[in-house]
């Protein structure tokens, strides 16, 4: 039975709109951003007002994952190892109640340089300082990146609404996670790269607090001949390691590596966190119930492909916006351990891709891709849980291939 002409016409119109990007008007962009913000702010406020002390309506610590940072900082301040799982869980139960589940801490000792001072504050005050300061850094860095790279893609009100209303911000806020810090440092480093190579390198080096999200950075810097930034990043990491040893003792590093190995087994191999919450190629394979050996093998192949493409991109004559966007996207693809709050790294990528599109004109389906990347973080987990479809991985990989392909076509 043939489809009615009206339906065929409607589907054709939708396909054409997606291809040309005519659906992405300034009015709709503004309305989407305001609508998400209008939903985010009351939801966060409700979580706070419905809490009982430091515990939310569901019995979880406010800012769930931040509870592990805070408990680890408490242990470190008391001269105890935050990598002792039993001690960490006891501390979490002492802070939030005996029914509190275990929240793992597998960050390197340099992260304790932040967690320790925060743990000296009352919990709720520490959570507000943590999220407020890192959110401010993220917004500042995005505004600076926009200004430095000529990414004036919208008026200030629309720009800040898009930055704050980016759906990954809600995911990060509700988890009390460090996505704002990672995205802020990355955006700030990229904004400084052509202006102050040493400062850019320091920002890149500070990302070592979450080393799995920085795996591509040294390769990109070397491929691009950014030797001063490479040296500054290396020196920053060395100083952070030395400072952590001076403060927390040399034994903190072997303890961290042991905790990281346990986390790899529990989270990656056994799926303790849930593969629907993760956004890596590895998680995609495990979500589809393939064995760990296949998942690791596929992740390695994907990581090597992304590494090769990144080196080629950064050693080419491509525009700095394109190189930077490719790096932001590639960082999410090379690691097996990335969760939906890590999609905050898409923020600078979106800004840079939009700036390039404004400069040269939209490519077919580019507007649809940008809209998908902006809205996807909040939907990725429920879609993966309900359907088994790894939307986040597919979207990020598509964007990376688009950026790399655009660079080759424009070379």
Protein backbone atom coordinates (compact mmCIF):
# COMPACT_ATOMS: atom_id res chain seq x y z
CA UNK A 1 0.00 0.00 0.00
CA UNK A 2 1.50 3.34 -1.05
CA UNK A 3 2.02 6.06 1.53
CA UNK A 4 -0.36 9.05 1.29
CA UNK A 5 1.09 11.96 -0.74
CA UNK A 6 0.86 14.28 2.28
CA UNK A 7 3.00 11.90 4.36
CA UNK A 8 5.58 11.57 1.59
CA UNK A 9 5.72 15.35 1.27
CA UNK A 10 6.14 15.77 5.04
CA UNK A 11 8.94 13.22 5.25
CA UNK A 12 10.68 14.81 2.26
CA UNK A 13 10.39 18.24 3.88
CA UNK A 14 11.83 16.92 7.15
CA UNK A 15 14.73 15.22 5.33
CA UNK A 16 15.48 18.40 3.39
CA UNK A 17 15.36 20.50 6.56
CA UNK A 18 17.78 18.13 8.31
CA UNK A 19 20.13 18.16 5.31
CA UNK A 20 20.20 21.92 4.85
CA UNK A 21 19.89 22.91 8.50
CA UNK A 22 16.97 25.26 7.93
CA UNK A 23 15.31 23.91 11.08
CA UNK A 24 18.11 25.39 13.23
CA UNK A 25 16.94 29.00 13.34
CA UNK A 26 18.15 31.54 15.91
CA UNK A 27 14.69 31.63 17.45
CA UNK A 28 14.63 27.85 17.95
CA UNK A 29 18.17 27.79 19.32
CA UNK A 30 17.22 30.45 21.87
CA UNK A 31 14.00 28.67 22.81
CA UNK A 32 15.74 25.29 23.21
CA UNK A 33 18.43 26.75 25.43
CA UNK A 34 15.93 28.63 27.59
CA UNK A 35 13.67 25.59 27.80
CA UNK A 36 16.47 23.35 29.04
CA UNK A 37 17.58 25.96 31.57
CA UNK A 38 13.99 26.39 32.71
CA UNK A 39 13.90 22.66 33.40
CA UNK A 40 17.38 22.36 34.92
CA UNK A 41 17.14 25.11 37.53
CA UNK A 42 13.92 23.94 39.24
CA UNK A 43 15.11 20.32 39.14
CA UNK A 44 18.36 21.21 40.92
CA UNK A 45 16.48 23.43 43.38
CA UNK A 46 14.04 20.59 44.12
CA UNK A 47 16.91 18.18 44.81
CA UNK A 48 18.24 20.64 47.38
CA UNK A 49 14.98 21.58 49.12
CA UNK A 50 13.76 17.98 49.26
CA UNK A 51 17.03 16.77 50.82
CA UNK A 52 17.35 15.60 54.41
CA UNK A 53 20.64 17.04 55.55
CA UNK A 54 23.29 15.88 53.09
CA UNK A 55 21.09 13.11 51.67
CA UNK A 56 18.60 13.55 48.82
CA UNK A 57 14.99 12.32 48.60
CA UNK A 58 16.16 8.87 47.39
CA UNK A 59 18.62 8.39 50.24
CA UNK A 60 21.69 9.19 48.14
CA UNK A 61 24.31 11.79 49.07
CA UNK A 62 23.63 15.13 47.41
CA UNK A 63 25.94 15.33 44.42
CA UNK A 64 26.28 11.52 44.58
CA UNK A 65 29.82 11.10 43.17
CA UNK A 66 31.15 14.13 45.00
CA UNK A 67 30.62 12.14 48.18
CA UNK A 68 33.56 9.94 47.20
CA UNK A 69 35.77 12.99 46.59
CA UNK A 70 34.78 14.43 49.96
CA UNK A 71 35.24 11.18 51.87
CA UNK A 72 38.62 10.62 50.20
CA UNK A 73 39.66 14.14 51.17
CA UNK A 74 38.59 13.50 54.78
CA UNK A 75 40.71 10.36 54.92
CA UNK A 76 43.69 12.12 53.35
CA UNK A 77 43.44 15.00 55.82
CA UNK A 78 43.45 12.46 58.67
CA UNK A 79 46.56 10.77 57.37
CA UNK A 80 44.71 7.68 56.09
CA UNK A 81 44.69 6.19 52.61
CA UNK A 82 41.62 7.03 50.52
CA UNK A 83 42.47 3.98 48.40
CA UNK A 84 41.59 1.63 51.25
CA UNK A 85 38.12 0.62 50.07
CA UNK A 86 36.88 -0.47 53.47
CA UNK A 87 38.04 2.75 55.13
CA UNK A 88 36.52 4.83 52.32
CA UNK A 89 33.15 3.09 52.62
CA UNK A 90 33.17 3.46 56.41
CA UNK A 91 33.84 7.17 56.00
CA UNK A 92 31.00 7.50 53.49
CA UNK A 93 28.62 5.70 55.87
CA UNK A 94 29.74 7.88 58.76
CA UNK A 95 29.02 10.98 56.69
CA UNK A 96 25.79 9.96 54.96
CA UNK A 97 24.28 7.05 56.88
CA UNK A 98 24.82 3.35 57.24
CA UNK A 99 22.76 2.50 54.15
CA UNK A 100 25.02 4.53 51.87
CA UNK A 101 26.38 2.40 49.00
CA UNK A 102 30.06 2.37 48.16
CA UNK A 103 31.23 5.17 45.84
CA UNK A 104 34.64 4.32 44.45
CA UNK A 105 37.59 6.69 44.38
CA UNK A 106 40.22 5.88 41.77
CA UNK A 107 41.72 9.28 41.03
CA UNK A 108 45.46 9.89 41.25
CA UNK A 109 46.87 11.51 44.40
CA UNK A 110 47.13 14.85 42.61
CA UNK A 111 43.33 15.07 42.79
CA UNK A 112 43.61 14.89 46.56
CA UNK A 113 45.26 18.32 46.36
CA UNK A 114 41.74 19.55 45.56
CA UNK A 115 39.72 17.03 47.55
CA UNK A 116 41.67 17.65 50.76
CA UNK A 117 40.94 21.39 51.09
CA UNK A 118 37.31 20.83 50.08
CA UNK A 119 36.93 18.22 52.82
CA UNK A 120 37.93 20.84 55.39
CA UNK A 121 34.56 22.51 54.72
CA UNK A 122 31.13 21.26 55.77
CA UNK A 123 29.79 18.90 53.09
CA UNK A 124 27.11 21.08 51.55
CA UNK A 125 29.42 24.12 51.52
CA UNK A 126 32.15 22.02 49.87
CA UNK A 127 29.69 20.82 47.21
CA UNK A 128 28.60 24.39 46.44
CA UNK A 129 32.20 25.63 46.26
CA UNK A 130 33.21 22.69 44.06
CA UNK A 131 30.38 22.97 41.60
CA UNK A 132 30.25 26.76 41.64
CA UNK A 133 33.98 27.31 41.11
CA UNK A 134 34.33 24.65 38.42
CA UNK A 135 31.17 25.89 36.65
CA UNK A 136 32.58 29.44 36.70
CA UNK A 137 35.84 28.17 35.19
CA UNK A 138 33.92 26.35 32.45
CA UNK A 139 31.84 29.41 31.54
CA UNK A 140 34.87 31.72 31.62
CA UNK A 141 36.95 29.35 29.47
CA UNK A 142 34.16 28.92 26.91
CA UNK A 143 33.72 32.69 26.66
CA UNK A 144 37.46 33.13 26.22
CA UNK A 145 37.63 30.42 23.57
CA UNK A 146 34.79 32.07 21.71
CA UNK A 147 36.56 35.43 21.78
CA UNK A 148 40.07 34.21 20.97
CA UNK A 149 39.10 32.00 18.04
CA UNK A 150 36.59 34.39 16.57
CA UNK A 151 33.68 32.13 17.44
CA UNK A 152 31.09 34.91 17.71
CA UNK A 153 28.28 32.59 16.68
CA UNK A 154 25.51 34.25 18.70
CA UNK A 155 24.71 37.21 20.86
CA UNK A 156 25.95 37.00 24.44
CA UNK A 157 22.56 36.09 25.92
CA UNK A 158 22.08 33.20 23.50
CA UNK A 159 25.69 32.07 23.86
CA UNK A 160 25.59 31.86 27.65
CA UNK A 161 22.18 30.19 27.56
CA UNK A 162 23.62 27.54 25.24
CA UNK A 163 26.72 27.09 27.42
CA UNK A 164 24.73 26.80 30.66
CA UNK A 165 21.84 24.93 29.06
CA UNK A 166 24.07 22.33 27.40
CA UNK A 167 22.46 19.10 28.56
CA UNK A 168 25.69 17.63 29.90
CA UNK A 169 25.76 20.41 32.53
CA UNK A 170 22.70 18.89 34.21
CA UNK A 171 24.25 15.41 34.17
CA UNK A 172 27.43 16.79 35.72
CA UNK A 173 25.63 18.88 38.34
CA UNK A 174 23.45 16.05 39.61
CA UNK A 175 26.50 13.79 39.95
CA UNK A 176 28.70 16.43 41.59
CA UNK A 177 31.30 15.38 39.04
CA UNK A 178 34.41 17.02 37.59
CA UNK A 179 33.23 17.55 34.01
CA UNK A 180 33.19 21.34 34.44
CA UNK A 181 36.81 21.26 35.55
CA UNK A 182 37.92 19.05 32.66
CA UNK A 183 36.00 21.02 30.02
CA UNK A 184 37.12 24.32 31.51
CA UNK A 185 40.80 23.40 31.52
CA UNK A 186 40.58 22.02 27.97
CA UNK A 187 38.77 25.09 26.60
CA UNK A 188 41.15 27.42 28.42
CA UNK A 189 44.21 25.57 27.09
CA UNK A 190 42.91 25.73 23.52
CA UNK A 191 42.13 29.44 23.86
CA UNK A 192 45.68 30.11 25.07
CA UNK A 193 47.56 27.87 22.63
CA UNK A 194 48.37 30.57 20.04
CA UNK A 195 48.67 33.37 22.59
CA UNK A 196 50.67 31.89 25.45
CA UNK A 197 52.05 28.43 24.78
CA UNK A 198 53.41 27.99 28.30
CA UNK A 199 50.09 28.84 29.98
CA UNK A 200 48.27 26.52 27.58
CA UNK A 201 50.64 23.72 28.49
CA UNK A 202 50.02 24.28 32.20
CA UNK A 203 46.27 23.96 31.61
CA UNK A 204 46.80 20.77 29.63
CA UNK A 205 49.01 19.43 32.42
CA UNK A 206 46.39 20.17 35.07
CA UNK A 207 44.06 17.78 33.23
CA UNK A 208 46.22 14.98 34.65
CA UNK A 209 43.79 14.87 37.59
CA UNK A 210 41.77 12.62 35.26
CA UNK A 211 44.48 11.04 33.11
CA UNK A 212 42.22 8.89 30.90
CA UNK A 213 40.76 12.08 29.39
CA UNK A 214 44.12 13.44 28.33
CA UNK A 215 45.63 10.52 26.44
CA UNK A 216 45.65 12.26 23.03
CA UNK A 217 46.97 15.62 24.18
CA UNK A 218 50.75 14.94 24.07
CA UNK A 219 50.46 13.32 20.63
CA UNK A 220 48.51 16.28 19.26
CA UNK A 221 51.00 18.79 20.67
CA UNK A 222 53.98 16.94 19.22
CA UNK A 223 52.28 16.48 15.84
CA UNK A 224 51.47 20.19 15.76
CA UNK A 225 55.00 21.22 16.72
CA UNK A 226 53.72 22.79 19.95
CA UNK A 227 56.91 22.00 21.82
CA UNK A 228 56.67 24.72 24.46
CA UNK A 229 53.16 23.65 25.41
CA UNK A 230 54.29 20.02 25.44
CA UNK A 231 57.18 20.89 27.77
CA UNK A 232 54.97 23.00 30.03
CA UNK A 233 52.38 20.22 30.26
CA UNK A 234 55.04 17.66 31.15
CA UNK A 235 56.61 19.94 33.75
CA UNK A 236 53.18 20.64 35.27
CA UNK A 237 52.43 16.94 35.64
CA UNK A 238 55.86 16.34 37.19
CA UNK A 239 55.31 19.16 39.69
CA UNK A 240 51.87 17.87 40.60
CA UNK A 241 53.23 14.37 41.19
CA UNK A 242 56.08 15.74 43.32
CA UNK A 243 53.70 17.90 45.33
CA UNK A 244 51.33 15.00 45.93
CA UNK A 245 54.21 12.86 47.16
CA UNK A 246 55.35 15.64 49.48
CA UNK A 247 51.86 16.05 50.93
CA UNK A 248 50.47 12.50 50.92
CA UNK A 249 53.60 10.35 50.82
CA UNK A 250 55.18 8.23 48.14
CA UNK A 251 53.04 5.24 49.16
CA UNK A 252 49.95 7.03 47.84
CA UNK A 253 50.93 6.26 44.25
CA UNK A 254 51.25 2.45 44.55
CA UNK A 255 47.94 2.52 46.43
CA UNK A 256 46.37 4.49 43.58
CA UNK A 257 47.60 2.04 40.95
CA UNK A 258 46.20 -0.87 42.96
CA UNK A 259 42.85 0.93 43.27
CA UNK A 260 42.87 1.71 39.55
CA UNK A 261 43.44 -1.96 38.71
CA UNK A 262 40.53 -2.95 40.97
CA UNK A 263 38.31 -0.28 39.35
CA UNK A 264 39.22 -1.54 35.90
CA UNK A 265 38.11 -5.03 36.85
CA UNK A 266 34.96 -3.95 38.69
CA UNK A 267 33.79 -1.21 36.32
CA UNK A 268 35.06 -2.28 32.91
CA UNK A 269 35.18 -6.07 33.15
CA UNK A 270 32.28 -6.68 35.54
CA UNK A 271 30.12 -3.65 34.68
CA UNK A 272 29.61 -2.50 38.27
CA UNK A 273 28.64 1.01 37.15
CA UNK A 274 26.48 -0.09 34.24
CA UNK A 275 27.50 0.02 30.59
CA UNK A 276 24.49 2.19 29.76
CA UNK A 277 26.11 4.99 31.78
CA UNK A 278 29.40 4.72 29.88
CA UNK A 279 30.15 6.36 26.55
CA UNK A 280 33.14 4.46 25.19
CA UNK A 281 33.64 1.96 22.37
CA UNK A 282 34.47 -0.62 25.04
CA UNK A 283 31.13 -0.01 26.76
CA UNK A 284 29.33 -0.29 23.42
CA UNK A 285 30.73 -3.79 22.93
CA UNK A 286 29.86 -4.83 26.49
CA UNK A 287 26.40 -3.30 26.18
CA UNK A 288 25.89 -5.70 23.29
CA UNK A 289 27.07 -8.56 25.56
CA UNK A 290 30.31 -9.22 23.74
CA UNK A 291 33.13 -10.66 25.90
CA UNK A 292 35.75 -8.37 27.47
CA UNK A 293 38.45 -9.63 25.10
CA UNK A 294 36.43 -8.48 22.09
CA UNK A 295 35.57 -5.19 23.80
CA UNK A 296 39.21 -4.45 24.64
CA UNK A 297 40.32 -5.41 21.13
CA UNK A 298 37.73 -3.18 19.50
CA UNK A 299 38.62 -0.32 21.83
CA UNK A 300 42.31 -0.65 20.95
CA UNK A 301 41.59 -0.64 17.21
CA UNK A 302 39.32 2.40 17.58
CA UNK A 303 41.86 4.22 19.76
CA UNK A 304 44.68 3.61 17.29
CA UNK A 305 42.50 4.84 14.41
CA UNK A 306 41.60 8.00 16.34
CA UNK A 307 45.24 8.51 17.33
CA UNK A 308 46.40 8.24 13.71
CA UNK A 309 43.67 10.62 12.54
CA UNK A 310 44.51 13.11 15.29
CA UNK A 311 48.22 13.07 14.47
CA UNK A 312 47.40 13.58 10.80
CA UNK A 313 45.01 16.41 11.63
CA UNK A 314 47.39 18.26 13.94
CA UNK A 315 50.34 17.89 11.56
CA UNK A 316 48.27 19.28 8.67
CA UNK A 317 47.61 22.86 7.60
CA UNK A 318 44.03 22.66 8.89
CA UNK A 319 42.50 25.60 10.72
CA UNK A 320 43.13 25.66 14.47
CA UNK A 321 39.38 25.49 15.12
CA UNK A 322 39.21 22.19 13.25
CA UNK A 323 42.26 20.76 15.00
CA UNK A 324 40.91 21.74 18.42
CA UNK A 325 37.45 20.33 17.75
CA UNK A 326 38.98 17.06 16.58
CA UNK A 327 41.06 16.83 19.75
CA UNK A 328 38.04 17.42 22.02
CA UNK A 329 36.08 14.69 20.26
CA UNK A 330 39.01 12.28 20.03
CA UNK A 331 39.67 12.47 23.78
CA UNK A 332 36.30 10.82 24.39
CA UNK A 333 36.94 8.03 21.88
CA UNK A 334 40.40 6.77 22.86
CA UNK A 335 39.61 5.86 26.46
CA UNK A 336 37.58 2.79 27.48
CA UNK A 337 36.52 4.56 30.69
CA UNK A 338 34.30 7.56 30.04
CA UNK A 339 30.85 8.22 31.48
CA UNK A 340 28.03 10.49 30.39
CA UNK A 341 29.16 13.39 32.59
CA UNK A 342 32.49 13.34 30.70
CA UNK A 343 30.50 14.50 27.66
CA UNK A 344 31.13 18.00 29.01
CA UNK A 345 34.20 17.83 26.72
CA UNK A 346 31.75 18.20 23.83
CA UNK A 347 31.11 21.82 24.84
CA UNK A 348 34.31 23.30 23.36
CA UNK A 349 33.99 20.96 20.36
CA UNK A 350 30.48 22.27 19.67
CA UNK A 351 31.64 25.87 19.94
CA UNK A 352 34.53 25.30 17.55
CA UNK A 353 32.47 23.33 15.04
CA UNK A 354 29.78 26.02 15.06
CA UNK A 355 32.39 28.72 14.52
CA UNK A 356 33.78 26.85 11.52
CA UNK A 357 30.30 26.32 10.10
CA UNK A 358 29.58 30.03 10.43
CA UNK A 359 32.82 30.89 8.65
CA UNK A 360 32.50 28.53 5.67
CA UNK A 361 28.81 27.69 5.60
CA UNK A 362 26.96 24.61 6.81
CA UNK A 363 27.82 21.26 5.26
CA UNK A 364 24.96 18.80 4.60
CA UNK A 365 23.49 17.50 7.88
CA UNK A 366 26.01 19.52 9.94
CA UNK A 367 23.31 21.48 11.75
CA UNK A 368 21.53 18.24 12.63
CA UNK A 369 24.79 16.83 13.99
CA UNK A 370 25.41 19.92 16.12
CA UNK A 371 21.87 19.80 17.50
CA UNK A 372 22.26 16.09 18.29
CA UNK A 373 25.55 16.60 20.11
CA UNK A 374 24.07 19.41 22.21
CA UNK A 375 20.94 17.51 23.23
CA UNK A 376 22.32 13.97 23.36
CA UNK A 377 24.12 13.81 26.77
CA UNK A 378 20.94 13.85 28.82
CA UNK A 379 19.30 11.18 26.63
CA UNK A 380 22.25 8.84 26.07
CA UNK A 381 21.88 6.84 29.30
CA UNK A 382 18.11 6.17 29.18
CA UNK A 383 18.29 5.29 25.47
CA UNK A 384 21.17 2.87 26.06
CA UNK A 385 19.36 1.30 29.03
CA UNK A 386 16.05 0.93 27.20
CA UNK A 387 17.23 -0.06 23.72
CA UNK A 388 20.89 -1.08 23.97
CA UNK A 389 21.81 1.60 21.42
CA UNK A 390 25.04 3.46 22.30
CA UNK A 391 23.86 6.83 20.99
CA UNK A 392 26.69 8.79 22.63
CA UNK A 393 29.48 6.72 21.07
CA UNK A 394 27.89 6.82 17.63
CA UNK A 395 27.28 10.57 17.81
CA UNK A 396 30.81 11.42 18.99
CA UNK A 397 32.42 9.09 16.44
CA UNK A 398 30.30 10.58 13.65
CA UNK A 399 31.32 14.08 14.68
CA UNK A 400 35.00 13.10 14.83
CA UNK A 401 34.88 11.57 11.35
CA UNK A 402 33.05 14.65 10.07
CA UNK A 403 35.69 17.01 11.49
CA UNK A 404 38.58 14.90 10.21
CA UNK A 405 36.90 14.51 6.82
CA UNK A 406 36.19 18.21 6.53
CA UNK A 407 39.84 18.93 7.24
CA UNK A 408 40.96 16.61 4.43
CA UNK A 409 38.47 18.07 1.98
CA UNK A 410 39.54 21.62 2.80
CA UNK A 411 43.29 20.87 2.76
